[in-house]
Amino acid sequence: MTQYGKIHSYDATKGAGMIKPEKGGDALPFAKADLQQQAQAPQAEQRFGYDTKQDNGGKAHAINLQMEQGDDDSSAKQQS
């Protein structure tokens, strides 16, 4: 099930970042390899759709990140 969040931080030298879920909760880590559009580095506050997976230690990670296109305000109004 696709979830949505905004990029909290991204370190291009490490190829890793954190995404903050829109529905609340702790920010989830992700790797550059998990980005569907790897040509561009994600910027803070960009909205992405993503899936999650559990690592061997049981911690959640964001995978299959896809940048959301369009106006964030209109999608928020539709959910209200």
N, C-alpha and C. Protein backbone atom coordinates (compact mmCIF):
# COMPACT_ATOMS: atom_id res chain seq x y z
N MET A 1 0.84 -1.17 0.00
CA MET A 1 0.00 0.00 0.00
C MET A 1 0.89 1.25 0.00
N THR A 2 0.67 2.12 -0.93
CA THR A 2 1.48 3.31 -1.05
C THR A 2 1.14 4.30 0.06
N GLN A 3 2.18 4.83 0.66
CA GLN A 3 2.06 5.88 1.66
C GLN A 3 2.66 7.14 1.08
N TYR A 4 2.44 8.27 1.74
CA TYR A 4 2.97 9.53 1.25
C TYR A 4 3.68 10.27 2.37
N GLY A 5 4.70 11.01 1.96
CA GLY A 5 5.46 11.79 2.93
C GLY A 5 6.30 12.82 2.22
N LYS A 6 6.98 13.64 3.02
CA LYS A 6 7.86 14.66 2.47
C LYS A 6 9.29 14.39 2.92
N ILE A 7 10.21 14.69 2.03
CA ILE A 7 11.61 14.49 2.33
C ILE A 7 11.99 15.37 3.52
N HIS A 8 12.55 14.74 4.53
CA HIS A 8 13.00 15.46 5.72
C HIS A 8 14.45 15.90 5.52
N SER A 9 15.26 14.99 4.99
CA SER A 9 16.67 15.31 4.72
C SER A 9 17.22 14.32 3.70
N TYR A 10 18.28 14.74 3.00
CA TYR A 10 18.95 13.85 2.05
C TYR A 10 20.41 14.25 1.96
N ASP A 11 21.31 13.30 2.11
CA ASP A 11 22.75 13.53 2.02
C ASP A 11 23.25 12.86 0.73
N ALA A 12 23.52 13.68 -0.29
CA ALA A 12 23.93 13.15 -1.59
C ALA A 12 25.26 12.40 -1.50
N THR A 13 26.15 12.82 -0.61
CA THR A 13 27.44 12.13 -0.51
C THR A 13 27.29 10.72 0.06
N LYS A 14 26.33 10.53 0.94
CA LYS A 14 26.06 9.20 1.51
C LYS A 14 25.05 8.42 0.68
N GLY A 15 24.26 9.14 -0.14
CA GLY A 15 23.22 8.48 -0.92
C GLY A 15 22.11 7.93 -0.04
N ALA A 16 21.79 8.69 1.02
CA ALA A 16 20.76 8.25 1.96
C ALA A 16 20.00 9.45 2.50
N GLY A 17 18.77 9.20 2.92
CA GLY A 17 17.97 10.28 3.47
C GLY A 17 16.88 9.76 4.37
N MET A 18 16.01 10.70 4.77
CA MET A 18 14.89 10.40 5.64
C MET A 18 13.63 11.02 5.05
N ILE A 19 12.50 10.30 5.16
CA ILE A 19 11.22 10.82 4.70
C ILE A 19 10.24 10.78 5.88
N LYS A 20 9.50 11.87 6.05
CA LYS A 20 8.55 12.02 7.16
C LYS A 20 7.15 11.66 6.66
N PRO A 21 6.52 10.61 7.21
CA PRO A 21 5.18 10.23 6.77
C PRO A 21 4.15 11.33 7.02
N GLU A 22 3.23 11.52 6.07
CA GLU A 22 2.17 12.52 6.22
C GLU A 22 1.21 12.17 7.35
N LYS A 23 1.01 10.89 7.59
CA LYS A 23 0.05 10.47 8.62
C LYS A 23 0.67 10.42 10.01
N GLY A 24 1.89 10.93 10.13
CA GLY A 24 2.55 10.96 11.43
C GLY A 24 3.49 9.79 11.63
N GLY A 25 4.21 9.86 12.71
CA GLY A 25 5.18 8.81 13.02
C GLY A 25 6.59 9.29 12.75
N ASP A 26 7.53 8.43 13.05
CA ASP A 26 8.94 8.75 12.88
C ASP A 26 9.34 8.76 11.41
N ALA A 27 10.33 9.59 11.10
CA ALA A 27 10.87 9.63 9.75
C ALA A 27 11.51 8.28 9.43
N LEU A 28 11.37 7.85 8.18
CA LEU A 28 11.91 6.56 7.74
C LEU A 28 13.15 6.77 6.87
N PRO A 29 14.17 5.94 7.06
CA PRO A 29 15.35 6.05 6.21
C PRO A 29 15.09 5.46 4.81
N PHE A 30 15.83 5.97 3.83
CA PHE A 30 15.80 5.41 2.49
C PHE A 30 17.17 5.59 1.86
N ALA A 31 17.46 4.78 0.85
CA ALA A 31 18.73 4.86 0.13
C ALA A 31 18.47 5.38 -1.29
N LYS A 32 19.51 5.90 -1.91
CA LYS A 32 19.39 6.41 -3.28
C LYS A 32 18.85 5.32 -4.20
N ALA A 33 19.24 4.09 -3.97
CA ALA A 33 18.77 2.97 -4.80
C ALA A 33 17.26 2.78 -4.72
N ASP A 34 16.63 3.30 -3.65
CA ASP A 34 15.18 3.18 -3.48
C ASP A 34 14.40 4.25 -4.24
N LEU A 35 15.10 5.24 -4.80
CA LEU A 35 14.45 6.30 -5.58
C LEU A 35 14.17 5.82 -6.99
N GLN A 36 12.96 6.00 -7.48
CA GLN A 36 12.62 5.60 -8.84
C GLN A 36 13.24 6.55 -9.85
N GLN A 37 13.35 7.84 -9.52
CA GLN A 37 14.00 8.83 -10.39
C GLN A 37 15.36 9.17 -9.78
N GLN A 38 16.36 8.34 -10.04
CA GLN A 38 17.65 8.51 -9.40
C GLN A 38 18.49 9.63 -10.00
N ALA A 39 18.09 10.18 -11.14
CA ALA A 39 18.88 11.22 -11.78
C ALA A 39 18.91 12.50 -10.95
N GLN A 40 17.81 12.79 -10.24
CA GLN A 40 17.74 14.01 -9.43
C GLN A 40 17.78 13.67 -7.96
N ALA A 41 18.57 14.44 -7.21
CA ALA A 41 18.59 14.27 -5.76
C ALA A 41 17.31 14.88 -5.19
N PRO A 42 16.65 14.20 -4.26
CA PRO A 42 15.43 14.75 -3.67
C PRO A 42 15.75 15.98 -2.82
N GLN A 43 14.83 16.92 -2.79
CA GLN A 43 14.99 18.14 -2.02
C GLN A 43 14.06 18.10 -0.81
N ALA A 44 14.44 18.79 0.25
CA ALA A 44 13.62 18.87 1.45
C ALA A 44 12.23 19.40 1.09
N GLU A 45 11.22 18.81 1.69
CA GLU A 45 9.81 19.18 1.53
C GLU A 45 9.18 18.68 0.22
N GLN A 46 9.92 17.97 -0.63
CA GLN A 46 9.30 17.37 -1.81
C GLN A 46 8.44 16.20 -1.35
N ARG A 47 7.28 16.04 -1.98
CA ARG A 47 6.35 14.99 -1.62
C ARG A 47 6.62 13.74 -2.47
N PHE A 48 6.68 12.60 -1.80
CA PHE A 48 6.93 11.33 -2.47
C PHE A 48 5.92 10.29 -2.01
N GLY A 49 5.56 9.40 -2.91
CA GLY A 49 4.84 8.19 -2.55
C GLY A 49 5.89 7.11 -2.31
N TYR A 50 5.62 6.19 -1.40
CA TYR A 50 6.60 5.14 -1.10
C TYR A 50 5.92 3.93 -0.48
N ASP A 51 6.65 2.83 -0.50
CA ASP A 51 6.24 1.61 0.20
C ASP A 51 7.21 1.43 1.36
N THR A 52 6.90 0.53 2.27
CA THR A 52 7.82 0.25 3.38
C THR A 52 8.18 -1.22 3.41
N LYS A 53 9.32 -1.50 3.99
CA LYS A 53 9.73 -2.88 4.25
C LYS A 53 10.45 -2.91 5.58
N GLN A 54 10.46 -4.07 6.20
CA GLN A 54 11.14 -4.26 7.47
C GLN A 54 12.51 -4.87 7.20
N ASP A 55 13.55 -4.33 7.87
CA ASP A 55 14.87 -4.95 7.73
C ASP A 55 14.95 -6.13 8.70
N ASN A 56 16.08 -6.81 8.73
CA ASN A 56 16.24 -7.99 9.58
C ASN A 56 16.07 -7.68 11.05
N GLY A 57 16.34 -6.44 11.44
CA GLY A 57 16.17 -6.04 12.83
C GLY A 57 14.76 -5.58 13.15
N GLY A 58 13.86 -5.59 12.16
CA GLY A 58 12.48 -5.20 12.38
C GLY A 58 12.20 -3.72 12.20
N LYS A 59 13.20 -2.94 11.77
CA LYS A 59 13.00 -1.51 11.56
C LYS A 59 12.45 -1.26 10.16
N ALA A 60 11.55 -0.29 10.05
CA ALA A 60 10.93 0.04 8.77
C ALA A 60 11.84 0.94 7.95
N HIS A 61 11.86 0.73 6.63
CA HIS A 61 12.58 1.55 5.67
C HIS A 61 11.64 1.90 4.53
N ALA A 62 11.81 3.08 3.96
CA ALA A 62 11.02 3.47 2.79
C ALA A 62 11.70 2.92 1.54
N ILE A 63 10.90 2.37 0.63
CA ILE A 63 11.41 1.84 -0.64
C ILE A 63 10.49 2.30 -1.76
N ASN A 64 10.95 2.15 -3.00
CA ASN A 64 10.16 2.50 -4.19
C ASN A 64 9.62 3.93 -4.15
N LEU A 65 10.47 4.88 -3.77
CA LEU A 65 10.03 6.27 -3.68
C LEU A 65 9.79 6.86 -5.06
N GLN A 66 8.63 7.47 -5.24
CA GLN A 66 8.28 8.12 -6.50
C GLN A 66 7.81 9.53 -6.21
N MET A 67 8.43 10.51 -6.87
CA MET A 67 8.06 11.89 -6.66
C MET A 67 6.64 12.12 -7.14
N GLU A 68 5.86 12.82 -6.32
CA GLU A 68 4.48 13.14 -6.66
C GLU A 68 4.47 14.41 -7.51
N GLN A 69 3.72 14.37 -8.60
CA GLN A 69 3.58 15.53 -9.49
C GLN A 69 2.31 16.27 -9.14
N GLY A 70 2.28 17.55 -9.46
CA GLY A 70 1.04 18.32 -9.28
C GLY A 70 1.06 19.18 -8.05
N ASP A 71 -0.10 19.75 -7.76
CA ASP A 71 -0.27 20.71 -6.68
C ASP A 71 -0.58 19.99 -5.38
N ASP A 72 0.28 20.15 -4.38
CA ASP A 72 0.06 19.50 -3.09
C ASP A 72 -1.22 19.98 -2.42
N ASP A 73 -1.58 21.26 -2.58
CA ASP A 73 -2.78 21.81 -1.95
C ASP A 73 -4.04 21.13 -2.46
N SER A 74 -4.12 20.87 -3.76
CA SER A 74 -5.33 20.25 -4.31
C SER A 74 -5.50 18.83 -3.81
N SER A 75 -4.42 18.09 -3.64
CA SER A 75 -4.53 16.72 -3.15
C SER A 75 -4.93 16.74 -1.67
N ALA A 76 -4.44 17.71 -0.92
CA ALA A 76 -4.80 17.81 0.49
C ALA A 76 -6.28 18.16 0.64
N LYS A 77 -6.80 19.01 -0.24
CA LYS A 77 -8.22 19.40 -0.18
C LYS A 77 -9.10 18.21 -0.53
N GLN A 78 -8.66 17.36 -1.45
CA GLN A 78 -9.46 16.21 -1.84
C GLN A 78 -9.56 15.20 -0.70
N GLN A 79 -8.52 15.11 0.14
CA GLN A 79 -8.52 14.18 1.25
C GLN A 79 -9.36 14.68 2.41
N SER A 80 -9.67 15.96 2.49
CA SER A 80 -10.42 16.54 3.60
C SER A 80 -11.88 16.14 3.56
